[in-house]
PDB file of N, CA and C in Angstrom:
ATOM      1  N   MET A   1       0.523  77.498  13.670  1.00  0.00           N
ATOM      2  CA  MET A   1       0.595  76.597  13.182  1.00  0.00           C
ATOM      3  C   MET A   1       1.247  75.411  14.608  1.00  0.00           C
ATOM      4  N   ASP A   2       0.991  74.537  14.468  1.00  0.00           N
ATOM      5  CA  ASP A   2       1.091  73.287  15.479  1.00  0.00           C
ATOM      6  C   ASP A   2       2.761  72.673  15.177  1.00  0.00           C
ATOM      7  N   ALA A   3       3.563  72.546  16.200  1.00  0.00           N
ATOM      8  CA  ALA A   3       4.635  72.691  16.138  1.00  0.00           C
ATOM      9  C   ALA A   3       5.298  71.114  15.496  1.00  0.00           C
ATOM     10  N   ASN A   4       4.201  69.879  16.608  1.00  0.00           N
ATOM     11  CA  ASN A   4       4.401  68.628  16.204  1.00  0.00           C
ATOM     12  C   ASN A   4       4.218  68.536  14.616  1.00  0.00           C
ATOM     13  N   LEU A   5       3.705  69.412  13.970  1.00  0.00           N
ATOM     14  CA  LEU A   5       3.300  69.166  12.372  1.00  0.00           C
ATOM     15  C   LEU A   5       4.311  69.597  11.503  1.00  0.00           C
ATOM     16  N   ILE A   6       4.621  70.349  12.123  1.00  0.00           N
ATOM     17  CA  ILE A   6       6.099  70.775  11.282  1.00  0.00           C
ATOM     18  C   ILE A   6       7.508  70.258  11.488  1.00  0.00           C
ATOM     19  N   ALA A   7       7.493  69.694  12.652  1.00  0.00           N
ATOM     20  CA  ALA A   7       8.192  68.883  12.941  1.00  0.00           C
ATOM     21  C   ALA A   7       8.627  67.468  12.111  1.00  0.00           C
ATOM     22  N   ALA A   8       7.229  66.932  11.595  1.00  0.00           N
ATOM     23  CA  ALA A   8       6.746  66.110  10.804  1.00  0.00           C
ATOM     24  C   ALA A   8       7.398  66.351   9.449  1.00  0.00           C
ATOM     25  N   VAL A   9       6.478  67.539   9.040  1.00  0.00           N
ATOM     26  CA  VAL A   9       7.430  67.781   7.706  1.00  0.00           C
ATOM     27  C   VAL A   9       8.242  67.910   7.205  1.00  0.00           C
ATOM     28  N   GLN A  10       9.024  68.531   8.775  1.00  0.00           N
ATOM     29  CA  GLN A  10      10.732  68.225   8.644  1.00  0.00           C
ATOM     30  C   GLN A  10      11.225  67.233   8.361  1.00  0.00           C
ATOM     31  N   GLY A  11      11.073  65.945   8.582  1.00  0.00           N
ATOM     32  CA  GLY A  11      11.363  64.700   8.110  1.00  0.00           C
ATOM     33  C   GLY A  11      10.971  64.174   7.128  1.00  0.00           C
ATOM     34  N   ILE A  12      10.162  64.863   6.025  1.00  0.00           N
ATOM     35  CA  ILE A  12       9.972  63.945   5.118  1.00  0.00           C
ATOM     36  C   ILE A  12      11.581  63.929   3.967  1.00  0.00           C
ATOM     37  N   GLY A  13      11.661  63.184   3.085  1.00  0.00           N
ATOM     38  CA  GLY A  13      12.458  62.657   2.413  1.00  0.00           C
ATOM     39  C   GLY A  13      12.422  61.860   1.352  1.00  0.00           C
ATOM     40  N   PRO A  14      13.435  61.038   0.578  1.00  0.00           N
ATOM     41  CA  PRO A  14      13.095  60.234  -0.763  1.00  0.00           C
ATOM     42  C   PRO A  14      12.367  59.039  -0.389  1.00  0.00           C
ATOM     43  N   ALA A  15      12.039  58.261   1.340  1.00  0.00           N
ATOM     44  CA  ALA A  15      11.653  57.549   1.410  1.00  0.00           C
ATOM     45  C   ALA A  15      10.520  57.356   2.052  1.00  0.00           C
ATOM     46  N   SER A  16      10.092  58.447   1.982  1.00  0.00           N
ATOM     47  CA  SER A  16       9.192  58.890   3.447  1.00  0.00           C
ATOM     48  C   SER A  16       7.577  58.362   2.738  1.00  0.00           C
ATOM     49  N   ASN A  17       6.961  57.440   3.546  1.00  0.00           N
ATOM     50  CA  ASN A  17       5.177  57.551   2.809  1.00  0.00           C
ATOM     51  C   ASN A  17       4.263  58.693   3.984  1.00  0.00           C
ATOM     52  N   ILE A  18       3.474  59.716   3.494  1.00  0.00           N
ATOM     53  CA  ILE A  18       3.379  60.704   3.824  1.00  0.00           C
ATOM     54  C   ILE A  18       1.653  60.263   3.920  1.00  0.00           C
ATOM     55  N   LEU A  19       1.019  60.462   5.670  1.00  0.00           N
ATOM     56  CA  LEU A  19      -0.172  60.136   5.590  1.00  0.00           C
ATOM     57  C   LEU A  19      -0.783  61.893   5.929  1.00  0.00           C
ATOM     58  N   PHE A  20      -1.728  62.203   5.391  1.00  0.00           N
ATOM     59  CA  PHE A  20      -2.096  63.837   6.477  1.00  0.00           C
ATOM     60  C   PHE A  20      -4.100  63.555   6.768  1.00  0.00           C
ATOM     61  N   LYS A  21      -4.313  63.978   7.633  1.00  0.00           N
ATOM     62  CA  LYS A  21      -5.303  63.663   7.988  1.00  0.00           C
ATOM     63  C   LYS A  21      -5.904  65.023   8.376  1.00  0.00           C
ATOM     64  N   TRP A  22      -7.452  65.232   8.424  1.00  0.00           N
ATOM     65  CA  TRP A  22      -7.971  66.597   8.528  1.00  0.00           C
ATOM     66  C   TRP A  22      -9.238  65.972   9.392  1.00  0.00           C
ATOM     67  N   ASP A  23      -9.939  67.603   9.560  1.00  0.00           N
ATOM     68  CA  ASP A  23     -11.506  67.533  10.668  1.00  0.00           C
ATOM     69  C   ASP A  23     -12.195  68.023   9.427  1.00  0.00           C
ATOM     70  N   ALA A  24     -13.876  68.085  10.075  1.00  0.00           N
ATOM     71  CA  ALA A  24     -15.067  68.014   8.779  1.00  0.00           C
ATOM     72  C   ALA A  24     -14.372  69.708   8.405  1.00  0.00           C
ATOM     73  N   THR A  25     -14.089  70.863   9.192  1.00  0.00           N
ATOM     74  CA  THR A  25     -13.825  72.171   8.800  1.00  0.00           C
ATOM     75  C   THR A  25     -12.687  71.624   7.607  1.00  0.00           C
ATOM     76  N   GLY A  26     -11.862  70.761   7.284  1.00  0.00           N
ATOM     77  CA  GLY A  26     -11.107  71.029   6.629  1.00  0.00           C
ATOM     78  C   GLY A  26      -9.378  71.080   6.504  1.00  0.00           C
ATOM     79  N   GLU A  27      -9.191  71.660   8.464  1.00  0.00           N
ATOM     80  CA  GLU A  27      -7.910  71.521   8.566  1.00  0.00           C
ATOM     81  C   GLU A  27      -7.225  70.604   8.869  1.00  0.00           C
ATOM     82  N   CYS A  28      -6.114  70.628   9.376  1.00  0.00           N
ATOM     83  CA  CYS A  28      -4.780  69.639   8.930  1.00  0.00           C
ATOM     84  C   CYS A  28      -5.179  68.970  10.363  1.00  0.00           C
ATOM     85  N   THR A  29      -5.046  67.791  10.674  1.00  0.00           N
ATOM     86  CA  THR A  29      -5.248  67.919  12.217  1.00  0.00           C
ATOM     87  C   THR A  29      -4.245  66.796  12.530  1.00  0.00           C
ATOM     88  N   ASP A  30      -3.124  66.212  10.989  1.00  0.00           N
ATOM     89  CA  ASP A  30      -2.120  65.205  11.695  1.00  0.00           C
ATOM     90  C   ASP A  30      -1.689  65.176  10.299  1.00  0.00           C
ATOM     91  N   VAL A  31      -0.248  65.006  10.297  1.00  0.00           N
ATOM     92  CA  VAL A  31       0.852  64.647   9.265  1.00  0.00           C
ATOM     93  C   VAL A  31       1.773  63.331  10.290  1.00  0.00           C
ATOM     94  N   GLU A  32       1.317  62.355   9.180  1.00  0.00           N
ATOM     95  CA  GLU A  32       2.309  61.376   9.113  1.00  0.00           C
ATOM     96  C   GLU A  32       3.668  61.078   8.585  1.00  0.00           C
ATOM     97  N   VAL A  33       4.671  60.142   8.711  1.00  0.00           N
ATOM     98  CA  VAL A  33       5.393  60.018   7.962  1.00  0.00           C
ATOM     99  C   VAL A  33       6.254  59.206   8.191  1.00  0.00           C
ATOM    100  N   ARG A  34       6.627  58.199   7.644  1.00  0.00           N
ATOM    101  CA  ARG A  34       7.333  57.089   8.022  1.00  0.00           C
ATOM    102  C   ARG A  34       8.484  57.149   7.052  1.00  0.00           C
ATOM    103  N   ASN A  35       9.293  56.857   7.207  1.00  0.00           N
ATOM    104  CA  ASN A  35      10.723  56.766   6.694  1.00  0.00           C
ATOM    105  C   ASN A  35      11.473  55.124   6.328  1.00  0.00           C
ATOM    106  N   ALA A  36      10.849  54.519   5.476  1.00  0.00           N
ATOM    107  CA  ALA A  36      11.508  53.022   4.975  1.00  0.00           C
ATOM    108  C   ALA A  36      11.905  52.682   3.838  1.00  0.00           C
ATOM    109  N   SER A  37      12.303  51.656   3.314  1.00  0.00           N
ATOM    110  CA  SER A  37      12.406  51.342   2.570  1.00  0.00           C
ATOM    111  C   SER A  37      12.210  49.748   1.701  1.00  0.00           C
ATOM    112  N   LEU A  38      11.188  49.226   1.346  1.00  0.00           N
ATOM    113  CA  LEU A  38      11.326  47.825   0.948  1.00  0.00           C
ATOM    114  C   LEU A  38      12.467  47.011   0.428  1.00  0.00           C
ATOM    115  N   TYR A  39      13.890  47.806   0.031  1.00  0.00           N
ATOM    116  CA  TYR A  39      14.889  47.226  -0.626  1.00  0.00           C
ATOM    117  C   TYR A  39      15.752  47.377   0.652  1.00  0.00           C
ATOM    118  N   THR A  40      16.767  46.507   0.610  1.00  0.00           N
ATOM    119  CA  THR A  40      18.101  46.769   1.455  1.00  0.00           C
ATOM    120  C   THR A  40      18.891  46.905   0.869  1.00  0.00           C
ATOM    121  N   PRO A  41      20.282  47.433   0.408  1.00  0.00           N
ATOM    122  CA  PRO A  41      20.240  48.763   1.246  1.00  0.00           C
ATOM    123  C   PRO A  41      19.422  49.120   0.103  1.00  0.00           C
ATOM    124  N   MET A  42      19.308  51.027   0.839  1.00  0.00           N
ATOM    125  CA  MET A  42      18.026  51.390   0.056  1.00  0.00           C
ATOM    126  C   MET A  42      19.023  51.941  -1.358  1.00  0.00           C
ATOM    127  N   MET A  43      18.401  52.155  -2.124  1.00  0.00           N
ATOM    128  CA  MET A  43      19.120  52.719  -3.709  1.00  0.00           C
ATOM    129  C   MET A  43      19.216  53.723  -3.731  1.00  0.00           C
ATOM    130  N   PRO A  44      19.764  54.489  -4.658  1.00  0.00           N
ATOM    131  CA  PRO A  44      20.153  55.815  -4.804  1.00  0.00           C
ATOM    132  C   PRO A  44      19.249  56.363  -4.828  1.00  0.00           C
TER     133      PRO A  44
END
């Protein structure tokens, strides 16, 4: 498994937006994790 994909998944938290990408064979090729909040400060 790709170390960059593992690192991205480990960054998932309660304010994460997660985007998965895959190729024609169905293999996961990219995981993007963006951590942000629309509200400041973040609510518990």
